[in-house]
Amino acid sequence: MIPIAEIGAGAAAAIHTLITDVDDTVTTDGVLTASAYAALEQLRGAGLRVIVTTGRPAGWCDHIARMWPVDAVIGENGAVCFWYDRAKRRLATRHSLSGERLHAHRDRIQEVAEEVLRSVPGTALASDQFCRLYDLAIDYCEDVPRVGDEGVDSIVRIMEDAGMTAKVSSIHVNGWFGGYDKLSMSKDVMRDLFGIDLDRDRARFIYAGDSPNDAPMFGHFPFSVGVANVRDYAGRMDALPKYVTAARSGEGFSELASVLIAMRRRADA
């Protein structure tokens, strides 16, 4: 991984969209700091489109889309997208599955949750499970003492044996039924909301993340960056980011924003 300061003015100037994870990428120990929030505002002020993509629930996405300086927020690892249409003064949404299919999955999700909690001591339902529509989130270190790698692997195995897609974030293991993920919804959102082909234009995007569930995004984008804590998961990831910040979590995100903005100004000078 290369220090983010080496991205270069030409590359930074060509980027028109930043897509970012939330937990432990924009936030620090669960808190959205003033500097990280300011970084989001500064990125948009510099002319960049900002898309948030997270494993957090649909209920959080309503708030983020309305209150944060972002263009759209993808939640539950690609299940839903929320954006606030300021011209029409209303919230808009996009869903990966029909309401009928969503309803059909709920009983099975409950069964998997019960099996995980019974089989993997120390785990708990994520505190935000109540405002999720699509997925199951198992807490392995947010509000419970950290469960070791063996326990995390067991959660993943139980979910996958049940036919779920399972992804490990820095705080939860998320599981869901369906073939969508952060990348597939990002492609749909860029095409339908902004008229951009993400595959064809991917050299003009940069993705920021920190944990194993970001690996597909790291692998897809030639300009991807991990905040420094991504190194904690280096041995558990299928793809690593090209660049890395010196600082961890939200301070690393602020560092990324500062570098991008400074490099873009240098290119314009």
Protein backbone atom coordinates (compact mmCIF):
# COMPACT_ATOMS: atom_id res chain seq x y z
CA MET A 1 0.00 0.00 0.00
CA ILE A 2 1.29 3.42 -1.04
CA PRO A 3 1.00 6.54 1.16
CA ILE A 4 -1.96 8.62 -0.01
CA ALA A 5 0.30 11.68 -0.38
CA GLU A 6 1.78 9.97 -3.46
CA ILE A 7 -1.47 9.90 -5.43
CA GLY A 8 -0.35 12.77 -7.65
CA ALA A 9 -2.05 15.94 -8.83
CA GLY A 10 -3.11 14.58 -12.22
CA ALA A 11 -4.89 11.57 -10.78
CA ALA A 12 -6.57 13.63 -8.05
CA ALA A 13 -7.78 16.20 -10.57
CA ALA A 14 -9.42 13.49 -12.71
CA ILE A 15 -11.46 12.06 -9.80
CA HIS A 16 -15.06 13.24 -9.77
CA THR A 17 -16.59 10.91 -7.12
CA LEU A 18 -15.50 9.67 -3.71
CA ILE A 19 -17.32 6.62 -2.34
CA THR A 20 -16.69 5.90 1.33
CA ASP A 21 -17.48 3.44 4.06
CA VAL A 22 -18.63 4.89 7.41
CA ASP A 23 -17.67 2.90 10.53
CA ASP A 24 -14.00 3.31 11.44
CA THR A 25 -13.42 5.07 8.10
CA VAL A 26 -15.33 8.32 8.57
CA THR A 27 -16.10 7.69 12.25
CA THR A 28 -13.65 7.14 15.11
CA ASP A 29 -14.62 4.71 17.88
CA GLY A 30 -18.24 5.11 16.81
CA VAL A 31 -18.17 8.91 16.80
CA LEU A 32 -18.48 11.29 13.84
CA THR A 33 -15.89 13.91 14.74
CA ALA A 34 -16.04 17.56 13.73
CA SER A 35 -12.98 17.18 11.50
CA ALA A 36 -14.42 14.19 9.62
CA TYR A 37 -17.75 15.94 9.06
CA ALA A 38 -15.89 19.03 7.89
CA ALA A 39 -13.91 16.84 5.49
CA LEU A 40 -17.17 15.69 3.86
CA GLU A 41 -18.25 19.30 3.42
CA GLN A 42 -14.85 20.29 2.05
CA LEU A 43 -14.85 17.48 -0.50
CA ARG A 44 -18.20 18.57 -1.87
CA GLY A 45 -17.08 22.18 -1.79
CA ALA A 46 -14.12 21.17 -3.94
CA GLY A 47 -16.49 19.82 -6.58
CA LEU A 48 -16.40 16.12 -5.71
CA ARG A 49 -19.50 13.96 -5.57
CA VAL A 50 -19.64 12.07 -2.24
CA ILE A 51 -21.44 8.73 -1.91
CA VAL A 52 -21.59 6.88 1.41
CA THR A 53 -21.86 3.08 1.39
CA THR A 54 -22.20 1.22 4.67
CA GLY A 55 -23.36 -1.90 6.42
CA ARG A 56 -25.46 0.27 8.72
CA PRO A 57 -29.27 -0.03 8.59
CA ALA A 58 -31.87 1.64 6.42
CA GLY A 59 -33.05 3.64 9.42
CA TRP A 60 -29.64 5.30 9.69
CA CYS A 61 -29.59 5.99 5.96
CA ASP A 62 -32.71 8.14 6.19
CA HIS A 63 -30.88 10.37 8.66
CA ILE A 64 -27.56 10.43 6.79
CA ALA A 65 -29.20 11.29 3.45
CA ARG A 66 -31.09 14.18 5.03
CA MET A 67 -28.46 15.53 7.42
CA TRP A 68 -24.96 14.83 6.07
CA PRO A 69 -23.26 16.69 3.20
CA VAL A 70 -23.45 13.70 0.83
CA ASP A 71 -25.10 13.01 -2.52
CA ALA A 72 -26.46 9.55 -1.66
CA VAL A 73 -26.10 6.83 0.96
CA ILE A 74 -26.13 3.09 0.25
CA GLY A 75 -27.05 1.00 3.29
CA GLU A 76 -27.16 -2.57 4.52
CA ASN A 77 -24.22 -3.49 2.26
CA GLY A 78 -26.01 -2.60 -0.95
CA ALA A 79 -29.63 -3.41 -0.10
CA VAL A 80 -30.97 0.14 -0.25
CA CYS A 81 -30.02 3.61 -1.39
CA PHE A 82 -31.37 6.88 0.00
CA TRP A 83 -30.83 10.36 -1.39
CA TYR A 84 -32.42 13.70 -0.65
CA ASP A 85 -33.84 15.47 -3.68
CA ARG A 86 -33.37 19.07 -2.63
CA ALA A 87 -35.17 20.47 -5.67
CA LYS A 88 -38.31 18.50 -4.78
CA ARG A 89 -37.59 18.67 -1.03
CA ARG A 90 -38.18 14.97 -0.48
CA LEU A 91 -36.30 11.79 0.35
CA ALA A 92 -36.03 9.20 -2.41
CA THR A 93 -35.12 5.51 -2.12
CA ARG A 94 -34.07 2.55 -4.23
CA HIS A 95 -34.32 -1.10 -3.12
CA SER A 96 -32.49 -4.22 -4.28
CA LEU A 97 -35.36 -6.62 -3.56
CA SER A 98 -39.13 -6.49 -3.85
CA GLY A 99 -41.19 -6.15 -0.69
CA GLU A 100 -42.52 -9.67 -1.28
CA ARG A 101 -39.04 -11.23 -1.37
CA LEU A 102 -37.98 -9.15 1.62
CA HIS A 103 -40.91 -10.40 3.69
CA ALA A 104 -40.18 -14.00 2.71
CA HIS A 105 -36.66 -13.77 4.17
CA ARG A 106 -37.56 -12.45 7.62
CA ASP A 107 -38.38 -15.75 9.35
CA ARG A 108 -35.20 -17.35 8.02
CA ILE A 109 -33.11 -14.40 9.18
CA GLN A 110 -34.53 -14.86 12.67
CA GLU A 111 -33.63 -18.55 12.61
CA VAL A 112 -30.04 -17.80 11.60
CA ALA A 113 -29.78 -15.14 14.32
CA GLU A 114 -30.88 -17.63 16.96
CA GLU A 115 -28.38 -20.22 15.73
CA VAL A 116 -25.48 -17.75 15.82
CA LEU A 117 -26.29 -16.49 19.31
CA ARG A 118 -26.63 -20.07 20.55
CA SER A 119 -23.48 -21.35 18.89
CA VAL A 120 -21.01 -18.46 19.25
CA PRO A 121 -20.66 -17.32 22.88
CA GLY A 122 -20.21 -13.61 23.49
CA THR A 123 -22.03 -12.43 20.38
CA ALA A 124 -25.19 -10.32 20.32
CA LEU A 125 -27.59 -8.84 17.85
CA ALA A 126 -26.31 -5.45 16.73
CA SER A 127 -27.98 -2.64 18.64
CA ASP A 128 -29.23 -1.21 15.34
CA GLN A 129 -30.89 -4.47 14.22
CA PHE A 130 -34.32 -3.04 14.98
CA CYS A 131 -34.03 -0.50 12.13
CA ARG A 132 -32.76 -2.93 9.48
CA LEU A 133 -34.89 -4.04 6.55
CA TYR A 134 -32.75 -6.64 4.75
CA ASP A 135 -29.90 -8.05 6.77
CA LEU A 136 -28.79 -9.63 9.98
CA ALA A 137 -26.04 -7.87 11.89
CA ILE A 138 -24.18 -9.77 14.59
CA ASP A 139 -22.15 -7.68 17.00
CA TYR A 140 -18.73 -9.14 17.69
CA CYS A 141 -17.01 -6.09 19.21
CA GLU A 142 -19.12 -2.89 19.13
CA ASP A 143 -21.15 -3.27 22.34
CA VAL A 144 -19.72 -6.60 23.49
CA PRO A 145 -16.17 -7.66 24.41
CA ARG A 146 -14.32 -8.55 21.21
CA VAL A 147 -14.97 -12.07 19.97
CA GLY A 148 -11.83 -13.65 18.52
CA ASP A 149 -11.17 -14.56 14.90
CA GLU A 150 -12.35 -18.12 15.47
CA GLY A 151 -15.73 -16.83 16.64
CA VAL A 152 -16.01 -14.43 13.72
CA ASP A 153 -15.22 -17.28 11.32
CA SER A 154 -17.95 -19.36 12.97
CA ILE A 155 -20.51 -16.61 12.45
CA VAL A 156 -19.56 -16.38 8.77
CA ARG A 157 -19.78 -20.15 8.39
CA ILE A 158 -23.26 -20.36 9.96
CA MET A 159 -24.54 -17.58 7.70
CA GLU A 160 -23.04 -19.07 4.56
CA ASP A 161 -24.33 -22.56 5.41
CA ALA A 162 -27.81 -20.99 5.57
CA GLY A 163 -27.37 -19.59 2.06
CA MET A 164 -26.57 -16.05 3.11
CA THR A 165 -23.91 -13.71 1.81
CA ALA A 166 -21.71 -12.88 4.84
CA LYS A 167 -19.32 -9.95 5.21
CA VAL A 168 -17.13 -8.90 8.12
CA SER A 169 -16.94 -5.22 9.02
CA SER A 170 -14.86 -3.63 11.77
CA ILE A 171 -17.72 -4.13 14.27
CA HIS A 172 -20.31 -6.57 12.88
CA VAL A 173 -20.72 -9.63 10.74
CA ASN A 174 -23.54 -8.90 8.30
CA GLY A 175 -25.52 -11.58 6.52
CA TRP A 176 -28.24 -11.33 3.89
CA PHE A 177 -30.10 -13.30 1.24
CA GLY A 178 -29.55 -12.00 -2.26
CA GLY A 179 -26.77 -11.37 -4.75
CA TYR A 180 -26.37 -7.65 -4.20
CA ASP A 181 -23.45 -5.92 -2.49
CA LYS A 182 -21.93 -2.44 -2.12
CA LEU A 183 -20.44 -2.57 -5.60
CA SER A 184 -23.58 -3.70 -7.45
CA MET A 185 -25.71 -0.96 -5.86
CA SER A 186 -22.99 1.62 -6.47
CA LYS A 187 -23.12 0.75 -10.18
CA ASP A 188 -26.91 1.08 -10.24
CA VAL A 189 -26.88 4.38 -8.37
CA MET A 190 -24.21 5.95 -10.54
CA ARG A 191 -26.02 4.88 -13.71
CA ASP A 192 -29.57 5.82 -12.71
CA LEU A 193 -28.99 8.91 -10.58
CA PHE A 194 -25.99 10.44 -12.30
CA GLY A 195 -25.83 8.88 -15.77
CA ILE A 196 -22.32 7.49 -15.16
CA ASP A 197 -21.08 4.02 -16.11
CA LEU A 198 -19.03 3.09 -13.05
CA ASP A 199 -17.11 0.32 -14.82
CA ARG A 200 -16.14 2.44 -17.80
CA ASP A 201 -15.39 5.50 -15.64
CA ARG A 202 -13.87 3.78 -12.62
CA ALA A 203 -10.51 5.56 -12.95
CA ARG A 204 -12.36 8.74 -12.00
CA PHE A 205 -13.56 7.33 -8.67
CA ILE A 206 -11.78 6.84 -5.37
CA TYR A 207 -13.02 4.46 -2.69
CA ALA A 208 -12.21 4.75 1.03
CA GLY A 209 -12.63 1.94 3.56
CA ASP A 210 -11.06 0.04 6.42
CA SER A 211 -12.14 -3.61 6.74
CA PRO A 212 -12.78 -6.94 4.96
CA ASN A 213 -16.23 -6.01 3.65
CA ASP A 214 -14.53 -3.23 1.65
CA ALA A 215 -12.31 -5.69 -0.25
CA PRO A 216 -14.56 -5.96 -3.36
CA MET A 217 -14.52 -2.18 -3.66
CA PHE A 218 -10.75 -2.02 -3.10
CA GLY A 219 -10.30 -4.58 -5.85
CA HIS A 220 -12.56 -2.80 -8.33
CA PHE A 221 -11.19 0.74 -8.23
CA PRO A 222 -7.67 1.64 -9.36
CA PHE A 223 -7.78 4.50 -6.86
CA SER A 224 -8.72 2.99 -3.51
CA VAL A 225 -7.51 4.04 -0.09
CA GLY A 226 -7.60 2.49 3.35
CA VAL A 227 -7.39 4.52 6.51
CA ALA A 228 -4.44 3.28 8.56
CA ASN A 229 -6.48 0.79 10.60
CA VAL A 230 -7.00 -1.26 7.44
CA ARG A 231 -3.64 -2.79 8.32
CA ASP A 232 -5.36 -4.55 11.26
CA TYR A 233 -7.20 -6.77 8.75
CA ALA A 234 -4.53 -7.16 6.07
CA GLY A 235 -4.33 -10.93 6.56
CA ARG A 236 -8.09 -11.39 6.30
CA MET A 237 -8.78 -9.50 3.08
CA ASP A 238 -9.03 -10.71 -0.53
CA ALA A 239 -7.94 -7.31 -1.88
CA LEU A 240 -6.07 -4.43 -0.26
CA PRO A 241 -6.37 -0.74 -1.15
CA LYS A 242 -3.75 0.81 -3.41
CA TYR A 243 -3.17 3.71 -1.01
CA VAL A 244 -3.18 4.10 2.77
CA THR A 245 -3.35 7.08 5.12
CA ALA A 246 -0.93 7.70 7.98
CA ALA A 247 -3.78 8.35 10.45
CA ARG A 248 -6.48 5.97 11.60
CA SER A 249 -10.26 6.17 11.19
CA GLY A 250 -11.81 9.64 10.94
CA GLU A 251 -8.46 11.41 11.12
CA GLY A 252 -7.32 9.25 8.21
CA PHE A 253 -10.43 10.26 6.27
CA SER A 254 -9.67 13.92 6.98
CA GLU A 255 -6.11 13.29 5.76
CA LEU A 256 -7.44 11.76 2.55
CA ALA A 257 -9.73 14.75 1.96
CA SER A 258 -6.91 17.22 2.57
CA VAL A 259 -4.59 15.44 0.14
CA LEU A 260 -7.21 15.17 -2.60
CA ILE A 261 -8.20 18.82 -2.31
CA ALA A 262 -4.59 20.03 -2.19
CA MET A 263 -3.63 17.93 -5.21
CA ARG A 264 -6.62 19.17 -7.20
CA ARG A 265 -5.62 22.75 -6.46
CA ARG A 266 -2.07 22.01 -7.51
CA ALA A 267 -3.29 20.64 -10.81
CA ASP A 268 -5.33 23.81 -11.40
CA ALA A 269 -2.46 26.15 -10.55
